[in-house]
Amino acid sequence: LRTIRRSTFSLPVRRVAAGAYVVRAGDAGTEAYVIQEGTCDVRSPDGTVVRTLQAGDVFGELSVLSGRPRSKDVIAVSDVALAVVERRALAEGLGLGTWAGAFARALAQRFAELEARMVEPGA
């Protein structure tokens, strides 16, 4: 956790009040996040909590990497501080212009396709 906090010191920080949406399903993914303080719930479109995220957890990367809309809502359970990782910074950090980046993009795309099939009726 200390390493993550040190590595995000130069990223902009966004504060979100408890109860507020951080991201909404269907929105374009232009940023990913690292939770520095607080707790968020990830909710499916029907409102079911599928995961609770805490300090050190990351989210939003799949939408940024795959270019697909957000698949879940993320709601602040408590007041949260988020390090904001813009698409450009994520691309540079992961080396998306390299062969390794091509693998990261392919994995994100495949995971997004799998996730979409899992939430389709009758899937």
C-alpha atoms as a PDB file:
ATOM      1  CA  LEU A   1       0.000   0.000   0.000  1.00  0.00           C
ATOM      2  CA  ARG A   2       2.861   2.380   0.791  1.00  0.00           C
ATOM      3  CA  THR A   3       4.398   1.691  -2.626  1.00  0.00           C
ATOM      4  CA  ILE A   4       1.121   2.442  -4.401  1.00  0.00           C
ATOM      5  CA  ARG A   5       0.690   5.660  -2.452  1.00  0.00           C
ATOM      6  CA  ARG A   6       4.263   6.758  -3.248  1.00  0.00           C
ATOM      7  CA  SER A   7       3.823   5.962  -6.938  1.00  0.00           C
ATOM      8  CA  THR A   8       0.626   8.031  -7.198  1.00  0.00           C
ATOM      9  CA  PHE A   9       1.989  11.190  -5.553  1.00  0.00           C
ATOM     10  CA  SER A  10       2.198  13.054  -8.864  1.00  0.00           C
ATOM     11  CA  LEU A  11      -1.318  12.130 -10.005  1.00  0.00           C
ATOM     12  CA  PRO A  12      -4.231  14.534  -9.529  1.00  0.00           C
ATOM     13  CA  VAL A  13      -6.495  13.676  -6.600  1.00  0.00           C
ATOM     14  CA  ARG A  14     -10.285  13.790  -6.769  1.00  0.00           C
ATOM     15  CA  ARG A  15     -12.377  13.788  -3.616  1.00  0.00           C
ATOM     16  CA  VAL A  16     -15.848  12.248  -3.743  1.00  0.00           C
ATOM     17  CA  ALA A  17     -18.426  12.492  -0.963  1.00  0.00           C
ATOM     18  CA  ALA A  18     -20.065   9.419   0.534  1.00  0.00           C
ATOM     19  CA  GLY A  19     -23.092   8.342  -1.495  1.00  0.00           C
ATOM     20  CA  ALA A  20     -21.953   9.984  -4.734  1.00  0.00           C
ATOM     21  CA  TYR A  21     -21.301   8.132  -7.986  1.00  0.00           C
ATOM     22  CA  VAL A  22     -17.662   7.958  -9.029  1.00  0.00           C
ATOM     23  CA  VAL A  23     -18.512   6.369 -12.391  1.00  0.00           C
ATOM     24  CA  ARG A  24     -21.783   5.287 -13.985  1.00  0.00           C
ATOM     25  CA  ALA A  25     -22.410   2.246 -16.149  1.00  0.00           C
ATOM     26  CA  GLY A  26     -22.615   3.250 -19.803  1.00  0.00           C
ATOM     27  CA  ASP A  27     -20.290   6.242 -19.525  1.00  0.00           C
ATOM     28  CA  ALA A  28     -17.127   6.447 -21.611  1.00  0.00           C
ATOM     29  CA  GLY A  29     -13.996   5.393 -19.759  1.00  0.00           C
ATOM     30  CA  THR A  30     -11.417   8.148 -19.979  1.00  0.00           C
ATOM     31  CA  GLU A  31      -9.879   7.712 -16.528  1.00  0.00           C
ATOM     32  CA  ALA A  32      -8.919   4.940 -14.137  1.00  0.00           C
ATOM     33  CA  TYR A  33      -8.554   5.386 -10.395  1.00  0.00           C
ATOM     34  CA  VAL A  34      -6.488   4.333  -7.387  1.00  0.00           C
ATOM     35  CA  ILE A  35      -8.310   4.624  -4.077  1.00  0.00           C
ATOM     36  CA  GLN A  36      -6.078   6.473  -1.635  1.00  0.00           C
ATOM     37  CA  GLU A  37      -8.602   6.816   1.198  1.00  0.00           C
ATOM     38  CA  GLY A  38     -12.094   5.505   1.796  1.00  0.00           C
ATOM     39  CA  THR A  39     -14.321   2.749   0.427  1.00  0.00           C
ATOM     40  CA  CYS A  40     -16.390   2.316  -2.757  1.00  0.00           C
ATOM     41  CA  ASP A  41     -18.950  -0.263  -3.859  1.00  0.00           C
ATOM     42  CA  VAL A  42     -19.031  -1.634  -7.392  1.00  0.00           C
ATOM     43  CA  ARG A  43     -22.637  -2.283  -8.395  1.00  0.00           C
ATOM     44  CA  SER A  44     -24.128  -4.170 -11.307  1.00  0.00           C
ATOM     45  CA  PRO A  45     -26.886  -2.508 -13.358  1.00  0.00           C
ATOM     46  CA  ASP A  46     -29.537  -4.101 -11.090  1.00  0.00           C
ATOM     47  CA  GLY A  47     -27.929  -2.488  -8.004  1.00  0.00           C
ATOM     48  CA  THR A  48     -26.284  -5.628  -6.602  1.00  0.00           C
ATOM     49  CA  VAL A  49     -22.964  -4.953  -4.858  1.00  0.00           C
ATOM     50  CA  VAL A  50     -20.434  -7.155  -6.654  1.00  0.00           C
ATOM     51  CA  ARG A  51     -17.285  -5.882  -4.961  1.00  0.00           C
ATOM     52  CA  THR A  52     -16.172  -3.467  -2.257  1.00  0.00           C
ATOM     53  CA  LEU A  53     -12.980  -1.523  -2.927  1.00  0.00           C
ATOM     54  CA  GLN A  54     -10.656   0.039  -0.347  1.00  0.00           C
ATOM     55  CA  ALA A  55      -7.434   2.040  -0.187  1.00  0.00           C
ATOM     56  CA  GLY A  56      -4.898   0.613  -2.632  1.00  0.00           C
ATOM     57  CA  ASP A  57      -7.508  -0.895  -4.964  1.00  0.00           C
ATOM     58  CA  VAL A  58      -7.742   0.226  -8.583  1.00  0.00           C
ATOM     59  CA  PHE A  59     -10.726   0.410 -10.924  1.00  0.00           C
ATOM     60  CA  GLY A  60     -11.765   1.783 -14.291  1.00  0.00           C
ATOM     61  CA  GLU A  61      -8.811   0.360 -16.207  1.00  0.00           C
ATOM     62  CA  LEU A  62     -10.830  -2.089 -18.303  1.00  0.00           C
ATOM     63  CA  SER A  63     -12.947   0.612 -19.890  1.00  0.00           C
ATOM     64  CA  VAL A  64      -9.907   2.794 -20.539  1.00  0.00           C
ATOM     65  CA  LEU A  65      -7.913  -0.054 -22.122  1.00  0.00           C
ATOM     66  CA  SER A  66     -10.743  -1.644 -24.104  1.00  0.00           C
ATOM     67  CA  GLY A  67     -12.432   1.549 -25.257  1.00  0.00           C
ATOM     68  CA  ARG A  68     -15.804   0.132 -24.152  1.00  0.00           C
ATOM     69  CA  PRO A  69     -18.310   1.982 -21.961  1.00  0.00           C
ATOM     70  CA  ARG A  70     -18.246   1.425 -18.215  1.00  0.00           C
ATOM     71  CA  SER A  71     -20.019  -1.803 -17.279  1.00  0.00           C
ATOM     72  CA  LYS A  72     -20.738  -1.061 -13.606  1.00  0.00           C
ATOM     73  CA  ASP A  73     -21.525   1.822 -11.282  1.00  0.00           C
ATOM     74  CA  VAL A  74     -18.968   2.730  -8.617  1.00  0.00           C
ATOM     75  CA  ILE A  75     -20.388   4.563  -5.622  1.00  0.00           C
ATOM     76  CA  ALA A  76     -18.486   6.090  -2.702  1.00  0.00           C
ATOM     77  CA  VAL A  77     -19.489   4.334   0.536  1.00  0.00           C
ATOM     78  CA  SER A  78     -17.448   6.793   2.602  1.00  0.00           C
ATOM     79  CA  ASP A  79     -15.741  10.014   1.604  1.00  0.00           C
ATOM     80  CA  VAL A  80     -12.976   8.926  -0.777  1.00  0.00           C
ATOM     81  CA  ALA A  81      -9.764  10.344  -2.197  1.00  0.00           C
ATOM     82  CA  LEU A  82      -8.925   8.980  -5.650  1.00  0.00           C
ATOM     83  CA  ALA A  83      -5.709   9.293  -7.627  1.00  0.00           C
ATOM     84  CA  VAL A  84      -6.893   9.943 -11.184  1.00  0.00           C
ATOM     85  CA  VAL A  85      -5.039   8.133 -13.978  1.00  0.00           C
ATOM     86  CA  GLU A  86      -5.933   9.630 -17.353  1.00  0.00           C
ATOM     87  CA  ARG A  87      -5.896   7.513 -20.507  1.00  0.00           C
ATOM     88  CA  ARG A  88      -2.636   9.113 -21.698  1.00  0.00           C
ATOM     89  CA  ALA A  89      -0.853   8.421 -18.398  1.00  0.00           C
ATOM     90  CA  LEU A  90      -2.117   4.831 -18.345  1.00  0.00           C
ATOM     91  CA  ALA A  91      -0.973   4.310 -21.938  1.00  0.00           C
ATOM     92  CA  GLU A  92       2.484   5.664 -21.134  1.00  0.00           C
ATOM     93  CA  GLY A  93       2.770   3.741 -17.874  1.00  0.00           C
ATOM     94  CA  LEU A  94       1.807   0.441 -19.496  1.00  0.00           C
ATOM     95  CA  GLY A  95       3.740   1.049 -22.680  1.00  0.00           C
ATOM     96  CA  LEU A  96       0.626   0.596 -24.810  1.00  0.00           C
ATOM     97  CA  GLY A  97       2.581   1.565 -27.927  1.00  0.00           C
ATOM     98  CA  THR A  98       4.811  -1.497 -27.484  1.00  0.00           C
ATOM     99  CA  TRP A  99       4.296  -5.212 -28.130  1.00  0.00           C
ATOM    100  CA  ALA A 100       3.623  -5.675 -24.402  1.00  0.00           C
ATOM    101  CA  GLY A 101       0.970  -2.979 -24.658  1.00  0.00           C
ATOM    102  CA  ALA A 102      -0.682  -4.879 -27.492  1.00  0.00           C
ATOM    103  CA  PHE A 103      -1.012  -7.868 -25.147  1.00  0.00           C
ATOM    104  CA  ALA A 104      -2.507  -5.654 -22.406  1.00  0.00           C
ATOM    105  CA  ARG A 105      -5.077  -4.219 -24.841  1.00  0.00           C
ATOM    106  CA  ALA A 106      -5.948  -7.697 -26.161  1.00  0.00           C
ATOM    107  CA  LEU A 107      -6.453  -9.020 -22.621  1.00  0.00           C
ATOM    108  CA  ALA A 108      -8.666  -6.064 -21.739  1.00  0.00           C
ATOM    109  CA  GLN A 109     -10.728  -6.557 -24.895  1.00  0.00           C
ATOM    110  CA  ARG A 110     -11.182 -10.283 -24.259  1.00  0.00           C
ATOM    111  CA  PHE A 111     -12.117  -9.732 -20.641  1.00  0.00           C
ATOM    112  CA  ALA A 112     -14.664  -7.064 -21.642  1.00  0.00           C
ATOM    113  CA  GLU A 113     -16.197  -9.475 -24.177  1.00  0.00           C
ATOM    114  CA  LEU A 114     -16.398 -12.225 -21.550  1.00  0.00           C
ATOM    115  CA  GLU A 115     -17.954  -9.880 -19.008  1.00  0.00           C
ATOM    116  CA  ALA A 116     -20.550  -8.734 -21.566  1.00  0.00           C
ATOM    117  CA  ARG A 117     -21.533 -12.349 -22.301  1.00  0.00           C
ATOM    118  CA  MET A 118     -21.895 -13.117 -18.597  1.00  0.00           C
ATOM    119  CA  VAL A 119     -24.433 -10.332 -18.045  1.00  0.00           C
ATOM    120  CA  GLU A 120     -26.518 -11.028 -21.158  1.00  0.00           C
ATOM    121  CA  PRO A 121     -29.802 -12.818 -20.478  1.00  0.00           C
ATOM    122  CA  GLY A 122     -29.489 -16.523 -21.179  1.00  0.00           C
ATOM    123  CA  ALA A 123     -25.697 -16.389 -21.250  1.00  0.00           C
END
